[in-house]
Amino acid sequence: MPLQFRKRIRLLPGIWLKVGKSGVSTSIGGPGATVNVSRRGTRTTLGVPGTGLSYTTLHRSDPGALPSTPPRRSSGAARWLAILLWVFLIGTLARAMG
Protein backbone atom coordinates (compact mmCIF):
# COMPACT_ATOMS: atom_id res chain seq x y z
CA MET A 1 0.00 0.00 0.00
CA PRO A 2 1.44 3.41 -0.94
CA LEU A 3 2.32 5.86 1.78
CA GLN A 4 -0.39 8.45 2.43
CA PHE A 5 -0.29 11.72 4.34
CA ARG A 6 -3.17 13.99 5.29
CA LYS A 7 -3.57 16.55 8.06
CA ARG A 8 -6.85 18.33 8.75
CA ILE A 9 -6.68 21.62 10.65
CA ARG A 10 -9.80 23.33 12.02
CA LEU A 11 -9.56 27.08 11.35
CA LEU A 12 -13.04 28.07 12.59
CA PRO A 13 -16.26 26.14 13.24
CA GLY A 14 -17.23 24.71 9.85
CA ILE A 15 -13.96 25.72 8.12
CA TRP A 16 -11.13 23.21 7.61
CA LEU A 17 -7.71 23.33 5.97
CA LYS A 18 -6.53 19.97 4.62
CA VAL A 19 -2.86 19.36 3.83
CA GLY A 20 -1.77 16.21 2.03
CA LYS A 21 0.84 14.79 -0.34
CA SER A 22 -0.99 16.10 -3.41
CA GLY A 23 -1.65 19.63 -2.11
CA VAL A 24 -3.81 21.85 0.08
CA SER A 25 -7.58 22.27 0.10
CA THR A 26 -10.16 24.20 2.11
CA SER A 27 -13.56 22.86 3.20
CA ILE A 28 -16.45 25.02 4.33
CA GLY A 29 -19.63 23.55 5.77
CA GLY A 30 -20.65 20.60 7.85
CA PRO A 31 -23.20 17.82 7.94
CA GLY A 32 -25.64 18.38 5.10
CA ALA A 33 -23.61 20.64 2.83
CA THR A 34 -19.90 21.12 2.19
CA VAL A 35 -17.89 23.09 -0.37
CA ASN A 36 -14.28 21.98 -0.92
CA VAL A 37 -11.85 24.13 -2.91
CA SER A 38 -8.56 22.64 -4.16
CA ARG A 39 -6.26 22.81 -7.16
CA ARG A 40 -8.47 20.21 -8.86
CA GLY A 41 -11.52 22.48 -8.69
CA THR A 42 -14.50 23.12 -6.45
CA ARG A 43 -16.49 20.16 -5.13
CA THR A 44 -19.97 20.75 -3.70
CA THR A 45 -21.59 18.00 -1.65
CA LEU A 46 -25.19 18.10 -0.45
CA GLY A 47 -26.53 15.29 1.70
CA VAL A 48 -29.07 14.23 4.26
CA PRO A 49 -27.17 13.74 7.54
CA GLY A 50 -27.38 10.28 9.05
CA THR A 51 -28.69 8.59 5.92
CA GLY A 52 -25.59 8.15 3.78
CA LEU A 53 -27.48 9.83 0.91
CA SER A 54 -25.58 12.64 -0.83
CA TYR A 55 -25.09 14.37 -4.18
CA THR A 56 -21.67 15.66 -5.30
CA THR A 57 -20.67 17.91 -8.19
CA LEU A 58 -17.16 18.88 -9.28
CA HIS A 59 -16.49 22.16 -11.08
CA ARG A 60 -12.98 22.13 -12.50
CA SER A 61 -10.99 25.33 -12.72
CA ASP A 62 -9.58 24.24 -16.12
CA PRO A 63 -12.46 23.87 -18.62
CA GLY A 64 -10.19 21.87 -20.96
CA ALA A 65 -9.86 19.15 -18.32
CA LEU A 66 -13.52 18.18 -18.54
CA PRO A 67 -14.70 15.55 -21.00
CA SER A 68 -17.11 16.95 -23.57
CA THR A 69 -20.54 16.00 -22.26
CA PRO A 70 -23.78 17.91 -22.71
CA PRO A 71 -24.89 19.91 -19.66
CA ARG A 72 -27.56 18.26 -17.53
CA ARG A 73 -30.62 20.07 -16.30
CA SER A 74 -31.50 19.38 -12.71
CA SER A 75 -35.04 18.38 -11.87
CA GLY A 76 -37.31 20.56 -9.76
CA ALA A 77 -37.07 18.04 -6.91
CA ALA A 78 -33.27 18.23 -6.92
CA ARG A 79 -33.42 22.04 -6.77
CA TRP A 80 -35.78 21.93 -3.78
CA LEU A 81 -33.55 19.39 -2.03
CA ALA A 82 -30.55 21.65 -2.58
CA ILE A 83 -32.44 24.67 -1.21
CA LEU A 84 -33.56 22.72 1.87
CA LEU A 85 -30.03 21.47 2.50
CA TRP A 86 -28.58 24.98 2.23
CA VAL A 87 -31.18 26.26 4.70
CA PHE A 88 -30.19 23.40 7.03
CA LEU A 89 -26.50 24.29 6.65
CA ILE A 90 -27.08 27.98 7.37
CA GLY A 91 -29.14 27.07 10.44
CA THR A 92 -26.45 24.69 11.67
CA LEU A 93 -23.69 27.25 11.17
CA ALA A 94 -25.75 29.97 12.89
CA ARG A 95 -26.33 27.65 15.85
CA ALA A 96 -22.61 26.76 16.04
CA MET A 97 -21.50 30.41 15.88
CA GLY A 98 -24.07 31.72 18.37
PDB file of N, CA and C in Angstrom:
ATOM      1  N   MET A   1       0.854  -1.182   0.000  1.00  0.00           N
ATOM      2  CA  MET A   1       0.000   0.000   0.000  1.00  0.00           C
ATOM      3  C   MET A   1       0.897   1.240   0.000  1.00  0.00           C
ATOM      4  N   PRO A   2       0.626   2.196  -0.884  1.00  0.00           N
ATOM      5  CA  PRO A   2       1.437   3.408  -0.942  1.00  0.00           C
ATOM      6  C   PRO A   2       1.283   4.247   0.333  1.00  0.00           C
ATOM      7  N   LEU A   3       2.318   4.979   0.628  1.00  0.00           N
ATOM      8  CA  LEU A   3       2.316   5.862   1.784  1.00  0.00           C
ATOM      9  C   LEU A   3       1.369   7.033   1.542  1.00  0.00           C
ATOM     10  N   GLN A   4       0.541   7.335   2.532  1.00  0.00           N
ATOM     11  CA  GLN A   4      -0.391   8.454   2.429  1.00  0.00           C
ATOM     12  C   GLN A   4      -0.134   9.424   3.572  1.00  0.00           C
ATOM     13  N   PHE A   5      -0.423  10.695   3.307  1.00  0.00           N
ATOM     14  CA  PHE A   5      -0.294  11.718   4.339  1.00  0.00           C
ATOM     15  C   PHE A   5      -1.445  12.696   4.194  1.00  0.00           C
ATOM     16  N   ARG A   6      -2.099  12.998   5.303  1.00  0.00           N
ATOM     17  CA  ARG A   6      -3.165  13.994   5.295  1.00  0.00           C
ATOM     18  C   ARG A   6      -3.292  14.561   6.699  1.00  0.00           C
ATOM     19  N   LYS A   7      -3.381  15.867   6.781  1.00  0.00           N
ATOM     20  CA  LYS A   7      -3.570  16.550   8.056  1.00  0.00           C
ATOM     21  C   LYS A   7      -4.724  17.521   7.901  1.00  0.00           C
ATOM     22  N   ARG A   8      -5.693  17.447   8.790  1.00  0.00           N
ATOM     23  CA  ARG A   8      -6.853  18.328   8.751  1.00  0.00           C
ATOM     24  C   ARG A   8      -6.775  19.288   9.930  1.00  0.00           C
ATOM     25  N   ILE A   9      -6.829  20.585   9.634  1.00  0.00           N
ATOM     26  CA  ILE A   9      -6.685  21.625  10.651  1.00  0.00           C
ATOM     27  C   ILE A   9      -7.966  22.447  10.695  1.00  0.00           C
ATOM     28  N   ARG A  10      -8.573  22.547  11.867  1.00  0.00           N
ATOM     29  CA  ARG A  10      -9.798  23.331  12.024  1.00  0.00           C
ATOM     30  C   ARG A  10      -9.423  24.798  12.205  1.00  0.00           C
ATOM     31  N   LEU A  11      -9.846  25.647  11.261  1.00  0.00           N
ATOM     32  CA  LEU A  11      -9.562  27.079  11.347  1.00  0.00           C
ATOM     33  C   LEU A  11     -10.624  27.794  12.176  1.00  0.00           C
ATOM     34  N   LEU A  12     -11.880  27.531  11.887  1.00  0.00           N
ATOM     35  CA  LEU A  12     -13.043  28.074  12.589  1.00  0.00           C
ATOM     36  C   LEU A  12     -14.116  26.998  12.564  1.00  0.00           C
ATOM     37  N   PRO A  13     -15.193  27.134  13.345  1.00  0.00           N
ATOM     38  CA  PRO A  13     -16.263  26.140  13.239  1.00  0.00           C
ATOM     39  C   PRO A  13     -16.783  26.074  11.792  1.00  0.00           C
ATOM     40  N   GLY A  14     -16.739  24.896  11.214  1.00  0.00           N
ATOM     41  CA  GLY A  14     -17.230  24.707   9.853  1.00  0.00           C
ATOM     42  C   GLY A  14     -16.225  25.012   8.759  1.00  0.00           C
ATOM     43  N   ILE A  15     -14.989  25.406   9.124  1.00  0.00           N
ATOM     44  CA  ILE A  15     -13.965  25.723   8.122  1.00  0.00           C
ATOM     45  C   ILE A  15     -12.703  24.918   8.434  1.00  0.00           C
ATOM     46  N   TRP A  16     -12.272  24.096   7.438  1.00  0.00           N
ATOM     47  CA  TRP A  16     -11.128  23.213   7.613  1.00  0.00           C
ATOM     48  C   TRP A  16     -10.092  23.457   6.538  1.00  0.00           C
ATOM     49  N   LEU A  17      -8.824  23.303   6.906  1.00  0.00           N
ATOM     50  CA  LEU A  17      -7.713  23.331   5.966  1.00  0.00           C
ATOM     51  C   LEU A  17      -7.147  21.919   5.949  1.00  0.00           C
ATOM     52  N   LYS A  18      -7.048  21.324   4.749  1.00  0.00           N
ATOM     53  CA  LYS A  18      -6.528  19.967   4.624  1.00  0.00           C
ATOM     54  C   LYS A  18      -5.211  20.013   3.863  1.00  0.00           C
ATOM     55  N   VAL A  19      -4.192  19.397   4.434  1.00  0.00           N
ATOM     56  CA  VAL A  19      -2.862  19.359   3.829  1.00  0.00           C
ATOM     57  C   VAL A  19      -2.520  17.889   3.591  1.00  0.00           C
ATOM     58  N   GLY A  20      -2.122  17.579   2.363  1.00  0.00           N
ATOM     59  CA  GLY A  20      -1.768  16.206   2.028  1.00  0.00           C
ATOM     60  C   GLY A  20      -0.621  16.168   1.041  1.00  0.00           C
ATOM     61  N   LYS A  21      -0.259  14.954   0.608  1.00  0.00           N
ATOM     62  CA  LYS A  21       0.836  14.788  -0.344  1.00  0.00           C
ATOM     63  C   LYS A  21       0.571  15.523  -1.647  1.00  0.00           C
ATOM     64  N   SER A  22      -0.683  15.519  -2.100  1.00  0.00           N
ATOM     65  CA  SER A  22      -0.991  16.098  -3.411  1.00  0.00           C
ATOM     66  C   SER A  22      -1.331  17.585  -3.359  1.00  0.00           C
ATOM     67  N   GLY A  23      -1.377  18.201  -2.170  1.00  0.00           N
ATOM     68  CA  GLY A  23      -1.648  19.631  -2.105  1.00  0.00           C
ATOM     69  C   GLY A  23      -2.482  20.040  -0.904  1.00  0.00           C
ATOM     70  N   VAL A  24      -3.030  21.242  -0.994  1.00  0.00           N
ATOM     71  CA  VAL A  24      -3.805  21.852   0.083  1.00  0.00           C
ATOM     72  C   VAL A  24      -5.214  22.122  -0.416  1.00  0.00           C
ATOM     73  N   SER A  25      -6.207  21.932   0.457  1.00  0.00           N
ATOM     74  CA  SER A  25      -7.577  22.271   0.103  1.00  0.00           C
ATOM     75  C   SER A  25      -8.266  22.889   1.315  1.00  0.00           C
ATOM     76  N   THR A  26      -9.371  23.570   1.059  1.00  0.00           N
ATOM     77  CA  THR A  26     -10.162  24.199   2.110  1.00  0.00           C
ATOM     78  C   THR A  26     -11.587  23.692   2.013  1.00  0.00           C
ATOM     79  N   SER A  27     -12.176  23.310   3.148  1.00  0.00           N
ATOM     80  CA  SER A  27     -13.562  22.863   3.196  1.00  0.00           C
ATOM     81  C   SER A  27     -14.363  23.803   4.066  1.00  0.00           C
ATOM     82  N   ILE A  28     -15.550  24.153   3.588  1.00  0.00           N
ATOM     83  CA  ILE A  28     -16.450  25.024   4.333  1.00  0.00           C
ATOM     84  C   ILE A  28     -17.795  24.319   4.404  1.00  0.00           C
ATOM     85  N   GLY A  29     -18.338  24.194   5.606  1.00  0.00           N
ATOM     86  CA  GLY A  29     -19.633  23.551   5.773  1.00  0.00           C
ATOM     87  C   GLY A  29     -19.596  22.523   6.872  1.00  0.00           C
ATOM     88  N   GLY A  30     -20.544  21.636   6.830  1.00  0.00           N
ATOM     89  CA  GLY A  30     -20.649  20.600   7.849  1.00  0.00           C
ATOM     90  C   GLY A  30     -21.627  19.555   7.386  1.00  0.00           C
ATOM     91  N   PRO A  31     -22.230  18.841   8.331  1.00  0.00           N
ATOM     92  CA  PRO A  31     -23.197  17.822   7.942  1.00  0.00           C
ATOM     93  C   PRO A  31     -24.320  18.439   7.104  1.00  0.00           C
ATOM     94  N   GLY A  32     -24.569  17.876   5.962  1.00  0.00           N
ATOM     95  CA  GLY A  32     -25.641  18.376   5.098  1.00  0.00           C
ATOM     96  C   GLY A  32     -25.139  19.095   3.873  1.00  0.00           C
ATOM     97  N   ALA A  33     -24.115  19.903   3.999  1.00  0.00           N
ATOM     98  CA  ALA A  33     -23.608  20.637   2.834  1.00  0.00           C
ATOM     99  C   ALA A  33     -22.157  21.055   3.069  1.00  0.00           C
ATOM    100  N   THR A  34     -21.313  20.766   2.095  1.00  0.00           N
ATOM    101  CA  THR A  34     -19.898  21.119   2.189  1.00  0.00           C
ATOM    102  C   THR A  34     -19.401  21.588   0.833  1.00  0.00           C
ATOM    103  N   VAL A  35     -18.562  22.624   0.838  1.00  0.00           N
ATOM    104  CA  VAL A  35     -17.889  23.087  -0.369  1.00  0.00           C
ATOM    105  C   VAL A  35     -16.396  22.924  -0.126  1.00  0.00           C
ATOM    106  N   ASN A  36     -15.717  22.221  -1.035  1.00  0.00           N
ATOM    107  CA  ASN A  36     -14.284  21.981  -0.925  1.00  0.00           C
ATOM    108  C   ASN A  36     -13.599  22.618  -2.116  1.00  0.00           C
ATOM    109  N   VAL A  37     -12.589  23.448  -1.850  1.00  0.00           N
ATOM    110  CA  VAL A  37     -11.846  24.134  -2.912  1.00  0.00           C
ATOM    111  C   VAL A  37     -10.408  23.639  -2.888  1.00  0.00           C
ATOM    112  N   SER A  38      -9.928  23.119  -4.041  1.00  0.00           N
ATOM    113  CA  SER A  38      -8.559  22.645  -4.158  1.00  0.00           C
ATOM    114  C   SER A  38      -8.042  22.971  -5.549  1.00  0.00           C
ATOM    115  N   ARG A  39      -6.823  22.534  -5.841  1.00  0.00           N
ATOM    116  CA  ARG A  39      -6.259  22.808  -7.161  1.00  0.00           C
ATOM    117  C   ARG A  39      -6.993  22.037  -8.254  1.00  0.00           C
ATOM    118  N   ARG A  40      -7.702  20.993  -7.895  1.00  0.00           N
ATOM    119  CA  ARG A  40      -8.471  20.205  -8.861  1.00  0.00           C
ATOM    120  C   ARG A  40      -9.786  20.867  -9.241  1.00  0.00           C
ATOM    121  N   GLY A  41     -10.255  21.804  -8.425  1.00  0.00           N
ATOM    122  CA  GLY A  41     -11.517  22.482  -8.692  1.00  0.00           C
ATOM    123  C   GLY A  41     -12.322  22.643  -7.416  1.00  0.00           C
ATOM    124  N   THR A  42     -13.604  22.932  -7.583  1.00  0.00           N
ATOM    125  CA  THR A  42     -14.504  23.123  -6.454  1.00  0.00           C
ATOM    126  C   THR A  42     -15.507  21.975  -6.421  1.00  0.00           C
ATOM    127  N   ARG A  43     -15.570  21.289  -5.292  1.00  0.00           N
ATOM    128  CA  ARG A  43     -16.486  20.158  -5.129  1.00  0.00           C
ATOM    129  C   ARG A  43     -17.574  20.575  -4.144  1.00  0.00           C
ATOM    130  N   THR A  44     -18.834  20.437  -4.546  1.00  0.00           N
ATOM    131  CA  THR A  44     -19.970  20.750  -3.695  1.00  0.00           C
ATOM    132  C   THR A  44     -20.686  19.451  -3.368  1.00  0.00           C
ATOM    133  N   THR A  45     -20.908  19.207  -2.084  1.00  0.00           N
ATOM    134  CA  THR A  45     -21.593  17.998  -1.651  1.00  0.00           C
ATOM    135  C   THR A  45     -22.794  18.386  -0.805  1.00  0.00           C
ATOM    136  N   LEU A  46     -23.965  17.900  -1.202  1.00  0.00           N
ATOM    137  CA  LEU A  46     -25.195  18.098  -0.448  1.00  0.00           C
ATOM    138  C   LEU A  46     -25.688  16.732  -0.030  1.00  0.00           C
ATOM    139  N   GLY A  47     -26.075  16.585   1.233  1.00  0.00           N
ATOM    140  CA  GLY A  47     -26.527  15.286   1.705  1.00  0.00           C
ATOM    141  C   GLY A  47     -27.544  15.416   2.817  1.00  0.00           C
ATOM    142  N   VAL A  48     -28.134  14.292   3.148  1.00  0.00           N
ATOM    143  CA  VAL A  48     -29.071  14.226   4.255  1.00  0.00           C
ATOM    144  C   VAL A  48     -28.330  13.541   5.404  1.00  0.00           C
ATOM    145  N   PRO A  49     -27.978  14.295   6.457  1.00  0.00           N
ATOM    146  CA  PRO A  49     -27.167  13.745   7.540  1.00  0.00           C
ATOM    147  C   PRO A  49     -27.786  12.486   8.158  1.00  0.00           C
ATOM    148  N   GLY A  50     -26.935  11.503   8.407  1.00  0.00           N
ATOM    149  CA  GLY A  50     -27.377  10.280   9.054  1.00  0.00           C
ATOM    150  C   GLY A  50     -27.939   9.227   8.129  1.00  0.00           C
ATOM    151  N   THR A  51     -28.101   9.554   6.841  1.00  0.00           N
ATOM    152  CA  THR A  51     -28.695   8.593   5.920  1.00  0.00           C
ATOM    153  C   THR A  51     -27.687   7.973   4.964  1.00  0.00           C
ATOM    154  N   GLY A  52     -26.555   8.621   4.763  1.00  0.00           N
ATOM    155  CA  GLY A  52     -25.594   8.154   3.776  1.00  0.00           C
ATOM    156  C   GLY A  52     -25.951   8.596   2.370  1.00  0.00           C
ATOM    157  N   LEU A  53     -27.013   9.365   2.213  1.00  0.00           N
ATOM    158  CA  LEU A  53     -27.482   9.833   0.914  1.00  0.00           C
ATOM    159  C   LEU A  53     -26.892  11.212   0.632  1.00  0.00           C
ATOM    160  N   SER A  54     -26.174  11.339  -0.493  1.00  0.00           N
ATOM    161  CA  SER A  54     -25.585  12.637  -0.829  1.00  0.00           C
ATOM    162  C   SER A  54     -25.464  12.788  -2.341  1.00  0.00           C
ATOM    163  N   TYR A  55     -25.256  14.027  -2.772  1.00  0.00           N
ATOM    164  CA  TYR A  55     -25.088  14.370  -4.178  1.00  0.00           C
ATOM    165  C   TYR A  55     -23.863  15.271  -4.283  1.00  0.00           C
ATOM    166  N   THR A  56     -22.926  14.922  -5.165  1.00  0.00           N
ATOM    167  CA  THR A  56     -21.674  15.664  -5.297  1.00  0.00           C
ATOM    168  C   THR A  56     -21.482  16.137  -6.730  1.00  0.00           C
ATOM    169  N   THR A  57     -21.041  17.394  -6.878  1.00  0.00           N
ATOM    170  CA  THR A  57     -20.673  17.909  -8.193  1.00  0.00           C
ATOM    171  C   THR A  57     -19.257  18.463  -8.106  1.00  0.00           C
ATOM    172  N   LEU A  58     -18.521  18.360  -9.209  1.00  0.00           N
ATOM    173  CA  LEU A  58     -17.164  18.878  -9.280  1.00  0.00           C
ATOM    174  C   LEU A  58     -17.101  19.890 -10.404  1.00  0.00           C
ATOM    175  N   HIS A  59     -16.667  21.090 -10.096  1.00  0.00           N
ATOM    176  CA  HIS A  59     -16.494  22.155 -11.082  1.00  0.00           C
ATOM    177  C   HIS A  59     -15.003  22.397 -11.204  1.00  0.00           C
ATOM    178  N   ARG A  60     -14.428  21.992 -12.311  1.00  0.00           N
ATOM    179  CA  ARG A  60     -12.983  22.126 -12.502  1.00  0.00           C
ATOM    180  C   ARG A  60     -12.627  23.561 -12.876  1.00  0.00           C
ATOM    181  N   SER A  61     -11.446  23.975 -12.412  1.00  0.00           N
ATOM    182  CA  SER A  61     -10.993  25.325 -12.721  1.00  0.00           C
ATOM    183  C   SER A  61     -10.464  25.412 -14.142  1.00  0.00           C
ATOM    184  N   ASP A  62     -10.075  24.271 -14.753  1.00  0.00           N
ATOM    185  CA  ASP A  62      -9.579  24.235 -16.119  1.00  0.00           C
ATOM    186  C   ASP A  62     -10.648  23.617 -17.013  1.00  0.00           C
ATOM    187  N   PRO A  63     -11.385  24.422 -17.803  1.00  0.00           N
ATOM    188  CA  PRO A  63     -12.459  23.870 -18.621  1.00  0.00           C
ATOM    189  C   PRO A  63     -11.972  22.813 -19.607  1.00  0.00           C
ATOM    190  N   GLY A  64     -10.717  22.855 -20.029  1.00  0.00           N
ATOM    191  CA  GLY A  64     -10.193  21.874 -20.961  1.00  0.00           C
ATOM    192  C   GLY A  64     -10.032  20.502 -20.335  1.00  0.00           C
ATOM    193  N   ALA A  65     -10.058  20.425 -19.001  1.00  0.00           N
ATOM    194  CA  ALA A  65      -9.865  19.153 -18.321  1.00  0.00           C
ATOM    195  C   ALA A  65     -11.131  18.311 -18.285  1.00  0.00           C
ATOM    196  N   LEU A  66     -12.266  18.905 -18.584  1.00  0.00           N
ATOM    197  CA  LEU A  66     -13.525  18.176 -18.545  1.00  0.00           C
ATOM    198  C   LEU A  66     -13.767  17.421 -19.849  1.00  0.00           C
ATOM    199  N   PRO A  67     -14.305  16.222 -19.769  1.00  0.00           N
ATOM    200  CA  PRO A  67     -14.703  15.553 -20.999  1.00  0.00           C
ATOM    201  C   PRO A  67     -15.888  16.286 -21.610  1.00  0.00           C
ATOM    202  N   SER A  68     -16.024  16.221 -22.919  1.00  0.00           N
ATOM    203  CA  SER A  68     -17.111  16.953 -23.566  1.00  0.00           C
ATOM    204  C   SER A  68     -18.415  16.173 -23.429  1.00  0.00           C
ATOM    205  N   THR A  69     -19.220  16.588 -22.465  1.00  0.00           N
ATOM    206  CA  THR A  69     -20.538  16.000 -22.257  1.00  0.00           C
ATOM    207  C   THR A  69     -21.556  17.121 -22.248  1.00  0.00           C
ATOM    208  N   PRO A  70     -22.765  16.858 -22.722  1.00  0.00           N
ATOM    209  CA  PRO A  70     -23.777  17.915 -22.708  1.00  0.00           C
ATOM    210  C   PRO A  70     -24.177  18.262 -21.282  1.00  0.00           C
ATOM    211  N   PRO A  71     -24.488  19.528 -21.009  1.00  0.00           N
ATOM    212  CA  PRO A  71     -24.893  19.911 -19.658  1.00  0.00           C
ATOM    213  C   PRO A  71     -26.216  19.252 -19.286  1.00  0.00           C
ATOM    214  N   ARG A  72     -26.330  18.887 -17.999  1.00  0.00           N
ATOM    215  CA  ARG A  72     -27.560  18.262 -17.531  1.00  0.00           C
ATOM    216  C   ARG A  72     -28.414  19.294 -16.828  1.00  0.00           C
ATOM    217  N   ARG A  73     -29.694  19.207 -17.022  1.00  0.00           N
ATOM    218  CA  ARG A  73     -30.623  20.072 -16.295  1.00  0.00           C
ATOM    219  C   ARG A  73     -31.075  19.339 -15.054  1.00  0.00           C
ATOM    220  N   SER A  74     -31.056  20.031 -13.932  1.00  0.00           N
ATOM    221  CA  SER A  74     -31.504  19.380 -12.706  1.00  0.00           C
ATOM    222  C   SER A  74     -33.024  19.432 -12.634  1.00  0.00           C
ATOM    223  N   SER A  75     -33.589  18.434 -11.997  1.00  0.00           N
ATOM    224  CA  SER A  75     -35.044  18.381 -11.873  1.00  0.00           C
ATOM    225  C   SER A  75     -35.490  19.361 -10.790  1.00  0.00           C
ATOM    226  N   GLY A  76     -36.765  19.666 -10.777  1.00  0.00           N
ATOM    227  CA  GLY A  76     -37.311  20.561  -9.761  1.00  0.00           C
ATOM    228  C   GLY A  76     -37.119  20.002  -8.362  1.00  0.00           C
ATOM    229  N   ALA A  77     -37.241  18.671  -8.216  1.00  0.00           N
ATOM    230  CA  ALA A  77     -37.072  18.040  -6.905  1.00  0.00           C
ATOM    231  C   ALA A  77     -35.634  18.207  -6.410  1.00  0.00           C
ATOM    232  N   ALA A  78     -34.670  18.070  -7.317  1.00  0.00           N
ATOM    233  CA  ALA A  78     -33.271  18.232  -6.920  1.00  0.00           C
ATOM    234  C   ALA A  78     -32.998  19.664  -6.481  1.00  0.00           C
ATOM    235  N   ARG A  79     -33.598  20.633  -7.166  1.00  0.00           N
ATOM    236  CA  ARG A  79     -33.419  22.039  -6.766  1.00  0.00           C
ATOM    237  C   ARG A  79     -33.982  22.284  -5.372  1.00  0.00           C
ATOM    238  N   TRP A  80     -35.179  21.744  -5.096  1.00  0.00           N
ATOM    239  CA  TRP A  80     -35.779  21.933  -3.778  1.00  0.00           C
ATOM    240  C   TRP A  80     -34.965  21.243  -2.692  1.00  0.00           C
ATOM    241  N   LEU A  81     -34.407  20.065  -2.999  1.00  0.00           N
ATOM    242  CA  LEU A  81     -33.553  19.386  -2.035  1.00  0.00           C
ATOM    243  C   LEU A  81     -32.322  20.231  -1.740  1.00  0.00           C
ATOM    244  N   ALA A  82     -31.718  20.800  -2.779  1.00  0.00           N
ATOM    245  CA  ALA A  82     -30.547  21.654  -2.585  1.00  0.00           C
ATOM    246  C   ALA A  82     -30.888  22.873  -1.737  1.00  0.00           C
ATOM    247  N   ILE A  83     -32.020  23.495  -1.989  1.00  0.00           N
ATOM    248  CA  ILE A  83     -32.443  24.667  -1.207  1.00  0.00           C
ATOM    249  C   ILE A  83     -32.644  24.283   0.256  1.00  0.00           C
ATOM    250  N   LEU A  84     -33.324  23.159   0.500  1.00  0.00           N
ATOM    251  CA  LEU A  84     -33.557  22.723   1.871  1.00  0.00           C
ATOM    252  C   LEU A  84     -32.245  22.402   2.587  1.00  0.00           C
ATOM    253  N   LEU A  85     -31.310  21.786   1.879  1.00  0.00           N
ATOM    254  CA  LEU A  85     -30.029  21.466   2.498  1.00  0.00           C
ATOM    255  C   LEU A  85     -29.229  22.718   2.815  1.00  0.00           C
ATOM    256  N   TRP A  86     -29.282  23.726   1.943  1.00  0.00           N
ATOM    257  CA  TRP A  86     -28.582  24.981   2.228  1.00  0.00           C
ATOM    258  C   TRP A  86     -29.201  25.691   3.428  1.00  0.00           C
ATOM    259  N   VAL A  87     -30.524  25.656   3.536  1.00  0.00           N
ATOM    260  CA  VAL A  87     -31.182  26.258   4.702  1.00  0.00           C
ATOM    261  C   VAL A  87     -30.739  25.529   5.973  1.00  0.00           C
ATOM    262  N   PHE A  88     -30.658  24.190   5.898  1.00  0.00           N
ATOM    263  CA  PHE A  88     -30.190  23.404   7.034  1.00  0.00           C
ATOM    264  C   PHE A  88     -28.760  23.785   7.400  1.00  0.00           C
ATOM    265  N   LEU A  89     -27.891  23.933   6.394  1.00  0.00           N
ATOM    266  CA  LEU A  89     -26.497  24.293   6.647  1.00  0.00           C
ATOM    267  C   LEU A  89     -26.398  25.660   7.310  1.00  0.00           C
ATOM    268  N   ILE A  90     -27.126  26.633   6.794  1.00  0.00           N
ATOM    269  CA  ILE A  90     -27.085  27.980   7.370  1.00  0.00           C
ATOM    270  C   ILE A  90     -27.573  27.955   8.809  1.00  0.00           C
ATOM    271  N   GLY A  91     -28.633  27.200   9.080  1.00  0.00           N
ATOM    272  CA  GLY A  91     -29.138  27.074  10.443  1.00  0.00           C
ATOM    273  C   GLY A  91     -28.138  26.429  11.368  1.00  0.00           C
ATOM    274  N   THR A  92     -27.455  25.373  10.868  1.00  0.00           N
ATOM    275  CA  THR A  92     -26.452  24.685  11.666  1.00  0.00           C
ATOM    276  C   THR A  92     -25.263  25.609  11.970  1.00  0.00           C
ATOM    277  N   LEU A  93     -24.801  26.331  10.947  1.00  0.00           N
ATOM    278  CA  LEU A  93     -23.691  27.255  11.170  1.00  0.00           C
ATOM    279  C   LEU A  93     -24.080  28.380  12.126  1.00  0.00           C
ATOM    280  N   ALA A  94     -25.301  28.900  12.002  1.00  0.00           N
ATOM    281  CA  ALA A  94     -25.751  29.968  12.890  1.00  0.00           C
ATOM    282  C   ALA A  94     -25.803  29.477  14.329  1.00  0.00           C
ATOM    283  N   ARG A  95     -26.257  28.228  14.513  1.00  0.00           N
ATOM    284  CA  ARG A  95     -26.331  27.654  15.847  1.00  0.00           C
ATOM    285  C   ARG A  95     -24.924  27.443  16.418  1.00  0.00           C
ATOM    286  N   ALA A  96     -23.975  27.010  15.578  1.00  0.00           N
ATOM    287  CA  ALA A  96     -22.611  26.762  16.042  1.00  0.00           C
ATOM    288  C   ALA A  96     -21.888  28.069  16.388  1.00  0.00           C
ATOM    289  N   MET A  97     -22.171  29.128  15.649  1.00  0.00           N
ATOM    290  CA  MET A  97     -21.503  30.410  15.882  1.00  0.00           C
ATOM    291  C   MET A  97     -22.117  31.162  17.066  1.00  0.00           C
ATOM    292  N   GLY A  98     -23.379  30.927  17.353  1.00  0.00           N
ATOM    293  CA  GLY A  98     -24.071  31.722  18.372  1.00  0.00           C
ATOM    294  C   GLY A  98     -24.232  31.037  19.625  1.00  0.00           C
TER     295      GLY A  98
END
